[in-house]
Amino acid sequence: MASVLVLNGPNLGRLGSREPDVYGSQDLVALEALLVADAAGRADIDLRQTNDEAELISWLYEAVDTMTPVILNPAAFTHYSYALRDAAALVTKAELPLVEVHISNPHARETFRHTSVISAVATGVIAGFGFGSYRLALRSILDL
């Protein structure tokens, strides 16, 4: 069975308690349970979260080395991390899907959130559907 890496950037480990009006009241454990159920029999879900940019970049290298598709919520790194952007580009240049996801709609929020340095190298972007953004990304990857 194939695997899908579900990578989450800074502060997403606080889901459920951090700004529930923006990010909802469920945590990463609940997200993982949803994705595991959605992928049942089709893929293993490897969900990870880090506040460390270097670790997130290393996980993208791992995706390339193991030929594993990626769902990536870069969180705050979305807007300024060119190092993360370059690592994400390695994934798509290896002809692996990389879907950028966001729980909220960044374009409906503060102006600084309107720009993603990741989107131009991602296979696709899904935002604004809560945990549904991840579920749609997983469905897209499984259907490719």
N, C-alpha and C. Protein backbone atom coordinates (compact mmCIF):
# COMPACT_ATOMS: atom_id res chain seq x y z
N MET A 1 0.84 -1.17 0.00
CA MET A 1 0.00 0.00 0.00
C MET A 1 0.89 1.24 0.00
N ALA A 2 0.47 2.25 -0.72
CA ALA A 2 1.21 3.50 -0.81
C ALA A 2 1.05 4.30 0.47
N SER A 3 1.94 5.24 0.67
CA SER A 3 1.85 6.17 1.80
C SER A 3 1.63 7.58 1.28
N VAL A 4 1.04 8.40 2.12
CA VAL A 4 0.91 9.83 1.86
C VAL A 4 1.44 10.54 3.10
N LEU A 5 2.39 11.44 2.88
CA LEU A 5 2.91 12.27 3.97
C LEU A 5 1.98 13.48 4.13
N VAL A 6 1.54 13.72 5.33
CA VAL A 6 0.71 14.89 5.64
C VAL A 6 1.53 15.74 6.60
N LEU A 7 2.11 16.81 6.07
CA LEU A 7 3.07 17.62 6.81
C LEU A 7 2.45 18.94 7.24
N ASN A 8 2.65 19.27 8.51
CA ASN A 8 2.06 20.46 9.09
C ASN A 8 3.13 21.32 9.75
N GLY A 9 3.09 22.61 9.45
CA GLY A 9 4.08 23.54 9.94
C GLY A 9 3.75 24.13 11.30
N PRO A 10 4.38 25.26 11.61
CA PRO A 10 4.35 25.83 12.95
C PRO A 10 2.95 26.18 13.45
N ASN A 11 2.79 25.95 14.74
CA ASN A 11 1.59 26.26 15.51
C ASN A 11 0.41 25.33 15.25
N LEU A 12 0.51 24.46 14.25
CA LEU A 12 -0.59 23.56 13.98
C LEU A 12 -0.70 22.45 15.02
N GLY A 13 0.32 22.27 15.84
CA GLY A 13 0.23 21.36 16.96
C GLY A 13 -0.73 21.87 18.03
N ARG A 14 -1.12 23.12 17.92
CA ARG A 14 -2.06 23.73 18.87
C ARG A 14 -3.49 23.75 18.34
N LEU A 15 -3.74 23.04 17.24
CA LEU A 15 -5.11 22.97 16.74
C LEU A 15 -6.04 22.47 17.83
N GLY A 16 -7.22 22.99 17.86
CA GLY A 16 -8.20 22.62 18.87
C GLY A 16 -8.26 23.64 19.99
N SER A 17 -7.11 24.28 20.27
CA SER A 17 -7.09 25.31 21.31
C SER A 17 -6.68 26.67 20.76
N ARG A 18 -6.00 26.70 19.65
CA ARG A 18 -5.54 27.96 19.06
C ARG A 18 -6.60 28.52 18.13
N GLU A 19 -7.11 29.67 18.45
CA GLU A 19 -8.09 30.38 17.63
C GLU A 19 -9.14 29.43 17.02
N PRO A 20 -9.95 28.79 17.85
CA PRO A 20 -10.93 27.85 17.31
C PRO A 20 -11.93 28.51 16.36
N ASP A 21 -12.11 29.83 16.48
CA ASP A 21 -13.00 30.53 15.54
C ASP A 21 -12.42 30.55 14.14
N VAL A 22 -11.11 30.41 14.01
CA VAL A 22 -10.45 30.40 12.70
C VAL A 22 -10.13 28.97 12.27
N TYR A 23 -9.61 28.16 13.19
CA TYR A 23 -9.07 26.84 12.85
C TYR A 23 -9.93 25.67 13.31
N GLY A 24 -11.04 25.94 13.98
CA GLY A 24 -11.91 24.87 14.45
C GLY A 24 -11.48 24.34 15.81
N SER A 25 -12.26 23.42 16.32
CA SER A 25 -12.02 22.92 17.67
C SER A 25 -11.42 21.52 17.70
N GLN A 26 -11.13 20.96 16.54
CA GLN A 26 -10.52 19.63 16.50
C GLN A 26 -9.00 19.73 16.41
N ASP A 27 -8.32 18.68 16.87
CA ASP A 27 -6.86 18.67 16.88
C ASP A 27 -6.30 17.74 15.80
N LEU A 28 -4.97 17.61 15.78
CA LEU A 28 -4.32 16.78 14.76
C LEU A 28 -4.68 15.30 14.89
N VAL A 29 -4.97 14.85 16.10
CA VAL A 29 -5.40 13.46 16.29
C VAL A 29 -6.70 13.21 15.54
N ALA A 30 -7.63 14.16 15.65
CA ALA A 30 -8.91 14.05 14.93
C ALA A 30 -8.69 14.10 13.42
N LEU A 31 -7.79 14.98 12.97
CA LEU A 31 -7.48 15.06 11.54
C LEU A 31 -6.92 13.75 11.04
N GLU A 32 -5.99 13.18 11.78
CA GLU A 32 -5.40 11.92 11.36
C GLU A 32 -6.45 10.82 11.26
N ALA A 33 -7.36 10.77 12.22
CA ALA A 33 -8.42 9.75 12.19
C ALA A 33 -9.29 9.90 10.95
N LEU A 34 -9.63 11.13 10.59
CA LEU A 34 -10.42 11.37 9.37
C LEU A 34 -9.69 10.88 8.13
N LEU A 35 -8.40 11.23 8.04
CA LEU A 35 -7.63 10.87 6.84
C LEU A 35 -7.38 9.37 6.76
N VAL A 36 -7.12 8.74 7.88
CA VAL A 36 -6.93 7.29 7.90
C VAL A 36 -8.20 6.60 7.42
N ALA A 37 -9.36 7.07 7.88
CA ALA A 37 -10.63 6.49 7.45
C ALA A 37 -10.85 6.72 5.95
N ASP A 38 -10.55 7.92 5.47
CA ASP A 38 -10.73 8.23 4.05
C ASP A 38 -9.80 7.40 3.16
N ALA A 39 -8.61 7.08 3.66
CA ALA A 39 -7.61 6.38 2.86
C ALA A 39 -7.67 4.86 3.02
N ALA A 40 -8.56 4.38 3.86
CA ALA A 40 -8.62 2.96 4.21
C ALA A 40 -8.51 2.07 2.98
N GLY A 41 -7.50 1.19 3.03
CA GLY A 41 -7.29 0.24 1.95
C GLY A 41 -6.59 0.81 0.73
N ARG A 42 -6.38 2.11 0.70
CA ARG A 42 -5.75 2.73 -0.47
C ARG A 42 -4.38 3.32 -0.18
N ALA A 43 -4.19 3.78 1.05
CA ALA A 43 -2.91 4.41 1.41
C ALA A 43 -2.75 4.47 2.91
N ASP A 44 -1.51 4.46 3.35
CA ASP A 44 -1.19 4.71 4.76
C ASP A 44 -0.99 6.21 4.92
N ILE A 45 -1.47 6.75 6.01
CA ILE A 45 -1.31 8.17 6.30
C ILE A 45 -0.19 8.34 7.32
N ASP A 46 0.78 9.17 6.98
CA ASP A 46 1.89 9.50 7.88
C ASP A 46 1.79 10.99 8.18
N LEU A 47 1.08 11.33 9.26
CA LEU A 47 0.85 12.72 9.61
C LEU A 47 1.90 13.19 10.60
N ARG A 48 2.49 14.35 10.30
CA ARG A 48 3.56 14.91 11.13
C ARG A 48 3.34 16.41 11.30
N GLN A 49 3.86 16.94 12.40
CA GLN A 49 3.81 18.38 12.65
C GLN A 49 5.13 18.81 13.28
N THR A 50 5.59 19.98 12.87
CA THR A 50 6.81 20.55 13.46
C THR A 50 6.72 22.06 13.46
N ASN A 51 7.41 22.65 14.41
CA ASN A 51 7.58 24.10 14.44
C ASN A 51 8.93 24.49 13.86
N ASP A 52 9.67 23.52 13.38
CA ASP A 52 11.05 23.68 12.92
C ASP A 52 11.11 23.63 11.39
N GLU A 53 11.52 24.71 10.78
CA GLU A 53 11.61 24.81 9.33
C GLU A 53 12.55 23.76 8.75
N ALA A 54 13.69 23.55 9.39
CA ALA A 54 14.67 22.58 8.89
C ALA A 54 14.09 21.16 8.90
N GLU A 55 13.34 20.82 9.93
CA GLU A 55 12.74 19.50 9.99
C GLU A 55 11.72 19.30 8.87
N LEU A 56 10.92 20.33 8.62
CA LEU A 56 9.93 20.26 7.55
C LEU A 56 10.61 20.08 6.19
N ILE A 57 11.69 20.78 5.98
CA ILE A 57 12.46 20.63 4.74
C ILE A 57 13.02 19.22 4.63
N SER A 58 13.55 18.68 5.72
CA SER A 58 14.07 17.30 5.71
C SER A 58 12.99 16.30 5.35
N TRP A 59 11.77 16.53 5.83
CA TRP A 59 10.66 15.62 5.51
C TRP A 59 10.32 15.68 4.02
N LEU A 60 10.45 16.85 3.42
CA LEU A 60 10.22 16.95 1.97
C LEU A 60 11.30 16.21 1.19
N TYR A 61 12.54 16.29 1.66
CA TYR A 61 13.62 15.49 1.04
C TYR A 61 13.29 14.01 1.15
N GLU A 62 12.81 13.60 2.33
CA GLU A 62 12.43 12.21 2.54
C GLU A 62 11.34 11.78 1.55
N ALA A 63 10.39 12.67 1.31
CA ALA A 63 9.32 12.36 0.35
C ALA A 63 9.90 12.08 -1.03
N VAL A 64 10.86 12.88 -1.45
CA VAL A 64 11.51 12.67 -2.74
C VAL A 64 12.26 11.33 -2.74
N ASP A 65 13.02 11.09 -1.69
CA ASP A 65 13.83 9.87 -1.63
C ASP A 65 13.00 8.60 -1.58
N THR A 66 11.80 8.68 -1.02
CA THR A 66 10.94 7.50 -0.90
C THR A 66 9.79 7.52 -1.91
N MET A 67 9.78 8.54 -2.76
CA MET A 67 8.73 8.70 -3.79
C MET A 67 7.33 8.68 -3.17
N THR A 68 7.15 9.54 -2.17
CA THR A 68 5.90 9.62 -1.43
C THR A 68 5.20 10.94 -1.70
N PRO A 69 3.92 10.91 -2.10
CA PRO A 69 3.17 12.16 -2.29
C PRO A 69 2.98 12.90 -0.97
N VAL A 70 2.74 14.22 -1.09
CA VAL A 70 2.72 15.08 0.09
C VAL A 70 1.48 15.97 0.09
N ILE A 71 0.87 16.05 1.27
CA ILE A 71 -0.10 17.11 1.58
C ILE A 71 0.64 18.01 2.55
N LEU A 72 0.75 19.29 2.23
CA LEU A 72 1.57 20.22 3.01
C LEU A 72 0.75 21.42 3.46
N ASN A 73 0.67 21.60 4.76
CA ASN A 73 0.16 22.85 5.32
C ASN A 73 1.37 23.56 5.91
N PRO A 74 1.95 24.49 5.14
CA PRO A 74 3.17 25.15 5.60
C PRO A 74 2.94 26.17 6.71
N ALA A 75 1.66 26.47 7.01
CA ALA A 75 1.31 27.43 8.06
C ALA A 75 2.04 28.76 7.79
N ALA A 76 2.62 29.35 8.81
CA ALA A 76 3.25 30.67 8.64
C ALA A 76 4.40 30.65 7.64
N PHE A 77 5.04 29.49 7.44
CA PHE A 77 6.13 29.41 6.46
C PHE A 77 5.63 29.67 5.04
N THR A 78 4.34 29.57 4.83
CA THR A 78 3.71 29.80 3.52
C THR A 78 4.16 31.12 2.92
N HIS A 79 4.28 32.12 3.74
CA HIS A 79 4.39 33.49 3.25
C HIS A 79 5.82 33.98 3.04
N TYR A 80 6.81 33.23 3.54
CA TYR A 80 8.17 33.79 3.44
C TYR A 80 9.29 32.77 3.32
N SER A 81 9.01 31.48 3.44
CA SER A 81 10.12 30.53 3.48
C SER A 81 10.51 30.06 2.08
N TYR A 82 11.50 30.72 1.53
CA TYR A 82 11.99 30.31 0.22
C TYR A 82 12.75 28.99 0.30
N ALA A 83 13.32 28.70 1.46
CA ALA A 83 13.98 27.40 1.65
C ALA A 83 12.95 26.28 1.57
N LEU A 84 11.80 26.46 2.19
CA LEU A 84 10.73 25.47 2.12
C LEU A 84 10.18 25.38 0.70
N ARG A 85 10.07 26.51 0.03
CA ARG A 85 9.60 26.54 -1.36
C ARG A 85 10.53 25.72 -2.25
N ASP A 86 11.82 25.87 -2.08
CA ASP A 86 12.78 25.13 -2.90
C ASP A 86 12.70 23.63 -2.62
N ALA A 87 12.49 23.25 -1.36
CA ALA A 87 12.34 21.83 -1.03
C ALA A 87 11.04 21.28 -1.61
N ALA A 88 9.96 22.08 -1.56
CA ALA A 88 8.68 21.66 -2.15
C ALA A 88 8.83 21.46 -3.66
N ALA A 89 9.61 22.33 -4.29
CA ALA A 89 9.84 22.20 -5.73
C ALA A 89 10.54 20.89 -6.08
N LEU A 90 11.40 20.41 -5.20
CA LEU A 90 12.05 19.12 -5.43
C LEU A 90 11.02 17.99 -5.51
N VAL A 91 9.97 18.10 -4.72
CA VAL A 91 8.92 17.08 -4.72
C VAL A 91 8.20 17.06 -6.06
N THR A 92 7.76 18.21 -6.51
CA THR A 92 7.01 18.24 -7.78
C THR A 92 7.92 18.00 -8.98
N LYS A 93 9.19 18.39 -8.88
CA LYS A 93 10.12 18.09 -9.98
C LYS A 93 10.41 16.60 -10.07
N ALA A 94 10.19 15.88 -8.97
CA ALA A 94 10.34 14.42 -8.98
C ALA A 94 9.04 13.76 -9.48
N GLU A 95 8.12 14.59 -9.97
CA GLU A 95 6.83 14.16 -10.52
C GLU A 95 5.95 13.50 -9.46
N LEU A 96 6.09 13.98 -8.24
CA LEU A 96 5.23 13.55 -7.13
C LEU A 96 4.22 14.66 -6.85
N PRO A 97 2.99 14.30 -6.52
CA PRO A 97 2.04 15.35 -6.16
C PRO A 97 2.38 15.98 -4.81
N LEU A 98 2.25 17.28 -4.74
CA LEU A 98 2.36 18.04 -3.51
C LEU A 98 1.20 19.01 -3.50
N VAL A 99 0.26 18.79 -2.59
CA VAL A 99 -0.91 19.65 -2.49
C VAL A 99 -0.76 20.54 -1.27
N GLU A 100 -0.76 21.85 -1.50
CA GLU A 100 -0.71 22.83 -0.42
C GLU A 100 -2.12 22.99 0.13
N VAL A 101 -2.25 22.89 1.44
CA VAL A 101 -3.56 23.05 2.06
C VAL A 101 -3.52 24.10 3.16
N HIS A 102 -4.69 24.70 3.37
CA HIS A 102 -4.87 25.64 4.47
C HIS A 102 -6.26 25.41 5.04
N ILE A 103 -6.35 25.43 6.35
CA ILE A 103 -7.62 25.23 7.04
C ILE A 103 -8.54 26.42 6.79
N SER A 104 -7.99 27.61 6.95
CA SER A 104 -8.76 28.83 6.69
C SER A 104 -8.47 29.30 5.27
N ASN A 105 -9.17 30.33 4.85
CA ASN A 105 -8.92 30.93 3.54
C ASN A 105 -7.98 32.11 3.75
N PRO A 106 -6.70 31.97 3.39
CA PRO A 106 -5.74 33.06 3.63
C PRO A 106 -6.14 34.37 2.95
N HIS A 107 -6.87 34.30 1.86
CA HIS A 107 -7.24 35.51 1.12
C HIS A 107 -8.37 36.28 1.80
N ALA A 108 -9.01 35.67 2.77
CA ALA A 108 -10.07 36.34 3.53
C ALA A 108 -9.53 36.87 4.86
N ARG A 109 -8.22 36.80 5.02
CA ARG A 109 -7.60 37.21 6.28
C ARG A 109 -6.67 38.40 6.06
N GLU A 110 -5.74 38.62 6.96
CA GLU A 110 -4.83 39.76 6.87
C GLU A 110 -4.07 39.75 5.54
N THR A 111 -3.74 40.93 5.06
CA THR A 111 -3.09 41.09 3.75
C THR A 111 -1.80 40.28 3.64
N PHE A 112 -1.00 40.21 4.72
CA PHE A 112 0.27 39.50 4.62
C PHE A 112 0.07 38.01 4.34
N ARG A 113 -1.12 37.48 4.62
CA ARG A 113 -1.41 36.07 4.38
C ARG A 113 -1.82 35.79 2.92
N HIS A 114 -1.98 36.81 2.12
CA HIS A 114 -2.47 36.64 0.76
C HIS A 114 -1.43 36.06 -0.19
N THR A 115 -0.17 36.11 0.17
CA THR A 115 0.90 35.63 -0.70
C THR A 115 1.47 34.32 -0.19
N SER A 116 1.52 33.34 -1.08
CA SER A 116 2.17 32.06 -0.77
C SER A 116 3.36 31.90 -1.69
N VAL A 117 4.52 31.62 -1.10
CA VAL A 117 5.70 31.33 -1.92
C VAL A 117 5.71 29.86 -2.33
N ILE A 118 4.81 29.07 -1.76
CA ILE A 118 4.74 27.63 -2.06
C ILE A 118 3.85 27.33 -3.26
N SER A 119 2.77 28.09 -3.41
CA SER A 119 1.74 27.78 -4.42
C SER A 119 2.29 27.59 -5.83
N ALA A 120 3.27 28.36 -6.22
CA ALA A 120 3.78 28.29 -7.59
C ALA A 120 4.48 26.97 -7.90
N VAL A 121 4.90 26.24 -6.88
CA VAL A 121 5.58 24.96 -7.11
C VAL A 121 4.72 23.77 -6.69
N ALA A 122 3.55 24.04 -6.13
CA ALA A 122 2.65 22.97 -5.71
C ALA A 122 1.88 22.42 -6.90
N THR A 123 1.46 21.18 -6.79
CA THR A 123 0.60 20.58 -7.80
C THR A 123 -0.75 21.28 -7.79
N GLY A 124 -1.24 21.60 -6.59
CA GLY A 124 -2.51 22.28 -6.42
C GLY A 124 -2.60 22.89 -5.04
N VAL A 125 -3.61 23.73 -4.85
CA VAL A 125 -3.83 24.42 -3.57
C VAL A 125 -5.29 24.30 -3.20
N ILE A 126 -5.55 23.92 -1.95
CA ILE A 126 -6.92 23.82 -1.44
C ILE A 126 -6.95 24.57 -0.11
N ALA A 127 -7.87 25.52 0.02
CA ALA A 127 -7.91 26.34 1.23
C ALA A 127 -9.34 26.70 1.60
N GLY A 128 -9.55 26.88 2.89
CA GLY A 128 -10.79 27.44 3.37
C GLY A 128 -11.87 26.46 3.76
N PHE A 129 -11.59 25.17 3.73
CA PHE A 129 -12.61 24.17 4.01
C PHE A 129 -12.36 23.43 5.33
N GLY A 130 -11.62 24.03 6.24
CA GLY A 130 -11.30 23.36 7.49
C GLY A 130 -10.53 22.08 7.22
N PHE A 131 -10.84 21.03 7.98
CA PHE A 131 -10.19 19.75 7.74
C PHE A 131 -10.59 19.18 6.38
N GLY A 132 -11.68 19.67 5.81
CA GLY A 132 -12.07 19.26 4.47
C GLY A 132 -11.02 19.58 3.44
N SER A 133 -10.19 20.60 3.67
CA SER A 133 -9.10 20.92 2.74
C SER A 133 -8.14 19.73 2.63
N TYR A 134 -7.82 19.12 3.76
CA TYR A 134 -6.94 17.95 3.76
C TYR A 134 -7.62 16.77 3.08
N ARG A 135 -8.91 16.61 3.36
CA ARG A 135 -9.65 15.47 2.79
C ARG A 135 -9.74 15.60 1.27
N LEU A 136 -9.96 16.80 0.78
CA LEU A 136 -9.99 17.03 -0.67
C LEU A 136 -8.61 16.79 -1.27
N ALA A 137 -7.57 17.21 -0.57
CA ALA A 137 -6.20 16.98 -1.06
C ALA A 137 -5.91 15.48 -1.14
N LEU A 138 -6.30 14.75 -0.11
CA LEU A 138 -6.08 13.30 -0.11
C LEU A 138 -6.84 12.66 -1.26
N ARG A 139 -8.07 13.04 -1.45
CA ARG A 139 -8.86 12.49 -2.56
C ARG A 139 -8.18 12.79 -3.90
N SER A 140 -7.66 13.99 -4.04
CA SER A 140 -6.97 14.35 -5.28
C SER A 140 -5.74 13.48 -5.51
N ILE A 141 -4.96 13.27 -4.47
CA ILE A 141 -3.76 12.44 -4.58
C ILE A 141 -4.13 11.00 -4.90
N LEU A 142 -5.11 10.47 -4.24
CA LEU A 142 -5.52 9.09 -4.47
C LEU A 142 -6.09 8.88 -5.88
N ASP A 143 -6.68 9.94 -6.43
CA ASP A 143 -7.26 9.83 -7.77
C ASP A 143 -6.25 10.05 -8.89
N LEU A 144 -5.05 10.55 -8.56
CA LEU A 144 -4.04 10.79 -9.61
C LEU A 144 -3.48 9.50 -10.15
